[in-house]
Protein backbone atom coordinates (compact mmCIF):
# COMPACT_ATOMS: atom_id res chain seq x y z
CA UNK A 1 0.00 0.00 0.00
CA UNK A 2 2.88 2.32 0.83
CA UNK A 3 4.24 1.85 -2.73
CA UNK A 4 0.94 2.87 -4.32
CA UNK A 5 0.61 5.77 -1.89
CA UNK A 6 4.08 6.98 -2.86
CA UNK A 7 3.20 6.86 -6.57
CA UNK A 8 -0.08 8.68 -5.91
CA UNK A 9 1.72 11.47 -4.04
CA UNK A 10 4.26 11.89 -6.82
CA UNK A 11 1.53 11.91 -9.44
CA UNK A 12 -0.27 14.62 -7.55
CA UNK A 13 2.91 16.72 -7.47
CA UNK A 14 4.21 16.07 -11.00
CA UNK A 15 1.68 14.01 -12.95
CA UNK A 16 3.37 14.34 -16.35
CA UNK A 17 6.80 13.31 -15.00
CA UNK A 18 5.35 10.34 -13.14
CA UNK A 19 3.43 9.22 -16.23
CA UNK A 20 6.55 9.35 -18.37
CA UNK A 21 8.45 7.44 -15.68
CA UNK A 22 5.85 4.64 -15.61
CA UNK A 23 5.62 4.37 -19.41
CA UNK A 24 9.40 4.19 -19.83
CA UNK A 25 9.70 1.55 -17.11
CA UNK A 26 6.88 -0.50 -18.66
CA UNK A 27 8.49 -0.27 -22.12
CA UNK A 28 11.85 -1.37 -20.75
CA UNK A 29 10.36 -4.39 -18.99
CA UNK A 30 8.23 -5.22 -22.03
CA UNK A 31 11.29 -5.05 -24.29
CA UNK A 32 13.19 -7.50 -22.09
CA UNK A 33 10.23 -9.90 -22.01
CA UNK A 34 9.86 -9.81 -25.82
CA UNK A 35 13.61 -10.36 -26.24
CA UNK A 36 13.56 -13.38 -23.93
CA UNK A 37 10.49 -14.92 -25.58
CA UNK A 38 11.95 -14.44 -29.06
CA UNK A 39 15.12 -16.24 -28.02
CA UNK A 40 13.35 -19.21 -26.43
CA UNK A 41 14.09 -18.09 -22.88
CA UNK A 42 10.50 -17.78 -21.68
CA UNK A 43 11.33 -19.49 -18.40
CA UNK A 44 13.50 -16.51 -17.46
CA UNK A 45 10.59 -14.07 -17.75
CA UNK A 46 9.22 -15.01 -14.31
CA UNK A 47 12.70 -14.53 -12.86
CA UNK A 48 13.00 -11.08 -14.41
CA UNK A 49 9.59 -10.00 -13.11
CA UNK A 50 10.34 -11.30 -9.60
CA UNK A 51 13.74 -9.59 -9.66
CA UNK A 52 12.19 -6.26 -10.69
CA UNK A 53 9.48 -6.52 -8.04
CA UNK A 54 12.05 -7.41 -5.38
CA UNK A 55 14.15 -4.45 -6.50
CA UNK A 56 11.22 -2.07 -6.04
CA UNK A 57 10.47 -3.38 -2.55
CA UNK A 58 14.02 -3.75 -1.21
CA UNK A 59 15.20 -0.38 -2.53
CA UNK A 60 12.32 1.51 -0.94
CA UNK A 61 12.66 3.78 2.05
CA UNK A 62 10.10 1.62 3.85
CA UNK A 63 12.50 -1.39 4.05
CA UNK A 64 15.52 0.77 4.99
CA UNK A 65 18.14 -1.73 3.72
CA UNK A 66 21.10 0.43 2.68
CA UNK A 67 23.36 -2.24 1.15
CA UNK A 68 20.77 -4.49 -0.49
CA UNK A 69 18.69 -1.46 -1.39
CA UNK A 70 21.62 0.18 -3.19
CA UNK A 71 22.23 -3.01 -5.18
CA UNK A 72 18.58 -3.48 -6.07
CA UNK A 73 18.21 0.12 -7.23
CA UNK A 74 20.32 -0.93 -10.17
CA UNK A 75 18.38 -4.17 -10.65
CA UNK A 76 17.35 -3.38 -14.23
CA UNK A 77 20.94 -2.62 -15.16
CA UNK A 78 22.03 -5.94 -13.62
CA UNK A 79 19.35 -7.82 -15.57
CA UNK A 80 20.36 -6.13 -18.83
CA UNK A 81 24.03 -7.00 -18.23
CA UNK A 82 23.09 -10.62 -17.53
CA UNK A 83 21.03 -10.79 -20.73
CA UNK A 84 23.92 -9.35 -22.76
CA UNK A 85 26.29 -12.01 -21.38
CA UNK A 86 23.82 -14.89 -21.81
CA UNK A 87 22.70 -13.86 -25.32
CA UNK A 88 25.72 -12.09 -26.89
CA UNK A 89 24.94 -13.01 -30.52
CA UNK A 90 21.26 -12.08 -30.25
CA UNK A 91 22.10 -8.78 -28.54
CA UNK A 92 24.65 -7.90 -31.22
CA UNK A 93 22.14 -8.72 -33.95
CA UNK A 94 19.51 -6.49 -32.35
CA UNK A 95 21.92 -3.57 -32.00
CA UNK A 96 22.99 -3.93 -35.63
CA UNK A 97 19.36 -3.81 -36.74
CA UNK A 98 18.76 -0.65 -34.72
CA UNK A 99 21.91 1.00 -35.99
CA UNK A 100 21.27 0.28 -39.66
CA UNK A 101 17.65 1.56 -39.73
CA UNK A 102 16.55 -1.21 -42.07
CA UNK A 103 13.01 -2.15 -43.06
CA UNK A 104 11.44 -5.02 -44.96
CA UNK A 105 11.72 -3.14 -48.26
CA UNK A 106 15.37 -2.21 -47.85
CA UNK A 107 17.30 -1.27 -50.93
CA UNK A 108 21.02 -1.11 -51.45
CA UNK A 109 22.37 1.73 -53.48
CA UNK A 110 26.02 0.68 -53.60
CA UNK A 111 27.57 1.52 -56.97
CA UNK A 112 29.57 -1.12 -58.82
CA UNK A 113 32.17 -0.65 -61.51
CA UNK A 114 30.00 -2.54 -63.97
CA UNK A 115 26.86 -1.79 -65.95
CA UNK A 116 23.33 -2.81 -64.98
CA UNK A 117 23.41 -5.29 -67.86
CA UNK A 118 26.43 -7.01 -66.31
CA UNK A 119 24.66 -7.17 -62.96
CA UNK A 120 21.53 -8.64 -64.58
CA UNK A 121 23.71 -11.22 -66.32
CA UNK A 122 25.34 -12.12 -63.00
CA UNK A 123 21.93 -12.50 -61.36
CA UNK A 124 20.75 -14.80 -64.15
CA UNK A 125 23.88 -16.94 -63.73
CA UNK A 126 23.42 -17.15 -59.95
CA UNK A 127 19.77 -18.16 -60.33
CA UNK A 128 20.53 -20.76 -63.02
CA UNK A 129 23.36 -22.23 -60.96
CA UNK A 130 21.18 -22.39 -57.84
CA UNK A 131 18.38 -24.08 -59.77
CA UNK A 132 20.72 -26.59 -61.41
CA UNK A 133 22.33 -27.48 -58.09
CA UNK A 134 18.92 -27.70 -56.44
CA UNK A 135 17.75 -30.26 -59.03
CA UNK A 136 20.89 -32.34 -58.46
CA UNK A 137 20.81 -31.96 -54.64
CA UNK A 138 24.22 -30.30 -54.66
CA UNK A 139 24.82 -28.22 -51.53
CA UNK A 140 25.85 -24.58 -52.02
CA UNK A 141 26.46 -21.48 -49.94
CA UNK A 142 26.70 -18.14 -51.78
CA UNK A 143 27.24 -14.79 -50.04
CA UNK A 144 26.04 -11.70 -51.90
CA UNK A 145 27.51 -8.55 -50.36
CA UNK A 146 27.45 -4.86 -51.23
CA UNK A 147 30.43 -4.33 -48.97
CA UNK A 148 33.71 -6.10 -48.31
CA UNK A 149 33.69 -8.87 -45.75
CA UNK A 150 36.42 -8.92 -43.06
CA UNK A 151 39.77 -10.15 -44.32
CA UNK A 152 39.84 -13.11 -41.94
CA UNK A 153 36.75 -14.58 -43.66
CA UNK A 154 38.12 -14.04 -47.17
CA UNK A 155 41.56 -15.35 -46.12
CA UNK A 156 39.96 -18.53 -44.78
CA UNK A 157 39.16 -19.46 -48.39
CA UNK A 158 40.88 -19.09 -51.76
CA UNK A 159 40.88 -15.69 -53.46
CA UNK A 160 39.67 -15.89 -57.07
CA UNK A 161 38.62 -12.41 -58.25
CA UNK A 162 36.98 -14.03 -61.27
CA UNK A 163 34.02 -12.96 -63.40
CA UNK A 164 30.96 -14.81 -62.16
CA UNK A 165 29.35 -17.44 -64.37
CA UNK A 166 26.88 -20.28 -63.93
CA UNK A 167 29.49 -22.87 -64.96
CA UNK A 168 32.07 -21.50 -62.53
CA UNK A 169 29.65 -21.59 -59.60
CA UNK A 170 28.60 -25.14 -60.38
CA UNK A 171 32.20 -26.28 -60.75
CA UNK A 172 33.14 -24.76 -57.38
CA UNK A 173 30.34 -26.60 -55.59
CA UNK A 174 30.95 -29.87 -57.40
CA UNK A 175 31.31 -32.45 -54.62
CA UNK A 176 34.65 -33.55 -56.05
CA UNK A 177 36.04 -29.99 -56.07
CA UNK A 178 38.33 -28.97 -53.19
CA UNK A 179 36.39 -25.76 -52.43
CA UNK A 180 32.84 -27.17 -52.38
CA UNK A 181 32.53 -27.31 -48.56
CA UNK A 182 33.02 -23.58 -48.00
CA UNK A 183 31.14 -20.46 -49.04
CA UNK A 184 31.52 -18.39 -52.18
CA UNK A 185 31.75 -14.62 -51.67
CA UNK A 186 30.24 -12.59 -54.53
CA UNK A 187 30.40 -8.83 -54.98
CA UNK A 188 28.90 -7.28 -58.07
CA UNK A 189 29.53 -9.65 -60.96
CA UNK A 190 32.73 -11.15 -59.56
CA UNK A 191 33.52 -14.08 -57.32
CA UNK A 192 35.93 -12.63 -54.78
CA UNK A 193 36.76 -15.87 -52.95
CA UNK A 194 35.60 -19.48 -52.59
CA UNK A 195 35.89 -22.11 -49.89
CA UNK A 196 35.44 -19.52 -47.12
CA UNK A 197 34.61 -20.60 -43.58
CA UNK A 198 31.87 -18.69 -41.80
CA UNK A 199 30.81 -18.20 -38.17
CA UNK A 200 27.98 -20.54 -37.19
CA UNK A 201 24.80 -19.10 -35.70
CA UNK A 202 24.25 -20.05 -32.05
CA UNK A 203 20.52 -19.31 -32.16
CA UNK A 204 18.29 -21.92 -30.54
CA UNK A 205 15.41 -20.95 -32.83
CA UNK A 206 16.94 -22.66 -35.87
CA UNK A 207 15.20 -25.86 -36.94
CA UNK A 208 17.13 -28.88 -35.67
CA UNK A 209 16.78 -30.50 -39.09
CA UNK A 210 18.96 -27.81 -40.67
CA UNK A 211 22.66 -28.55 -40.80
CA UNK A 212 25.97 -26.70 -40.65
CA UNK A 213 25.55 -25.05 -44.06
CA UNK A 214 22.33 -23.33 -42.96
CA UNK A 215 23.81 -22.33 -39.59
CA UNK A 216 26.79 -20.80 -41.38
CA UNK A 217 24.55 -18.91 -43.80
CA UNK A 218 22.44 -17.54 -40.96
CA UNK A 219 25.50 -16.79 -38.84
CA UNK A 220 27.22 -14.57 -41.40
CA UNK A 221 23.96 -12.70 -42.03
CA UNK A 222 23.62 -12.05 -38.29
CA UNK A 223 26.94 -10.22 -38.17
CA UNK A 224 27.22 -8.61 -41.61
CA UNK A 225 24.92 -6.87 -44.08
CA UNK A 226 24.82 -9.67 -46.62
CA UNK A 227 22.33 -11.85 -48.48
CA UNK A 228 23.13 -15.56 -48.26
CA UNK A 229 21.81 -18.15 -50.71
CA UNK A 230 21.73 -21.69 -49.36
CA UNK A 231 21.01 -24.81 -51.42
CA UNK A 232 20.29 -27.86 -49.28
CA UNK A 233 22.28 -30.97 -50.12
CA UNK A 234 19.60 -33.20 -48.58
CA UNK A 235 16.41 -31.70 -50.04
CA UNK A 236 17.54 -29.34 -52.80
CA UNK A 237 15.51 -26.53 -51.19
CA UNK A 238 16.80 -23.02 -51.92
CA UNK A 239 16.77 -20.70 -48.90
CA UNK A 240 17.74 -17.09 -48.21
CA UNK A 241 19.33 -15.84 -45.00
CA UNK A 242 19.29 -12.11 -44.25
CA UNK A 243 19.56 -10.17 -40.99
CA UNK A 244 19.78 -13.48 -39.12
CA UNK A 245 16.46 -14.75 -40.47
CA UNK A 246 16.01 -17.73 -42.79
CA UNK A 247 13.34 -17.87 -45.51
CA UNK A 248 12.96 -21.16 -47.40
CA UNK A 249 11.45 -22.48 -50.64
CA UNK A 250 12.58 -19.87 -53.16
CA UNK A 251 11.87 -20.52 -56.83
CA UNK A 252 13.74 -18.93 -59.74
CA UNK A 253 11.47 -15.87 -60.02
CA UNK A 254 11.50 -15.17 -56.28
CA UNK A 255 15.29 -15.54 -56.19
CA UNK A 256 15.70 -13.24 -59.20
CA UNK A 257 13.52 -10.55 -57.61
CA UNK A 258 15.39 -10.80 -54.31
CA UNK A 259 18.78 -10.45 -56.02
CA UNK A 260 17.59 -7.51 -58.11
CA UNK A 261 16.43 -5.83 -54.92
CA UNK A 262 19.77 -6.51 -53.25
CA UNK A 263 21.70 -5.13 -56.22
CA UNK A 264 19.48 -2.04 -56.30
CA UNK A 265 17.96 -2.94 -59.67
CA UNK A 266 14.37 -3.30 -58.49
CA UNK A 267 12.26 -0.85 -56.52
CA UNK A 268 9.67 -3.26 -55.10
CA UNK A 269 10.53 -6.75 -53.80
CA UNK A 270 7.66 -8.59 -55.52
CA UNK A 271 9.13 -11.95 -54.56
CA UNK A 272 8.76 -11.19 -50.87
CA UNK A 273 5.04 -10.52 -51.22
CA UNK A 274 4.59 -13.65 -53.34
CA UNK A 275 6.39 -15.70 -50.74
CA UNK A 276 4.29 -14.31 -47.90
CA UNK A 277 1.10 -15.09 -49.81
CA UNK A 278 2.33 -18.61 -50.42
CA UNK A 279 3.06 -19.15 -46.73
CA UNK A 280 -0.30 -17.73 -45.70
CA UNK A 281 -2.11 -19.97 -48.15
């Protein structure tokens, strides 16, 4: 009762300040709950709520506990620090999303030293190679980037700096080729490197049926602004990983539209809407 009385007195004195205080606190707690639920840590929600409630009680003047009260006053900060340490990859991904101000219709405007016709030709070759490998159940991992990846990722593979072609992509991912296990890094219409090793995603939300290739594709998209094309060796399904999220079952038209959007050649990502309609139906 004393807690409610205290809030009432403060509201009477400065109602606008108290209202802002309550809204900000509610948003902070809500944000932590959503974060925990999204990362399959729902069991921790009760702990967080109990910790916050205990912090309010123990830090009050009514309890008069100087040491414990001082610690609990910073309870929210302690909880946030714990979350950052327990979910480092997820926290980093969330901060990157906030910093980049992306939306679902993001467009890249990076200029390349090639014509739009060359970029369209590269897209057609990527799509044809992905479709051919999908039909033959040949696994593939292709990174499309508008920026340069860190040197340690490129150095983990073999630098090629070759003009992209359907035949070259298929030959790289041929199961008898030495570079087929790694990822191919593509920028513009050139294959920068092949056989690159990528960081694996540690997310618990990934389907257990998906293997290392999918975890690698998701992992690199969590940390860098890239589009990753994944062809499953087991099922032949073509998937896209972007911003740490995996979307499966891309056909040639959907993949073409997505690549044109990524290369800045298409204003509206029609493939995304088609895919959403397909999933809803």
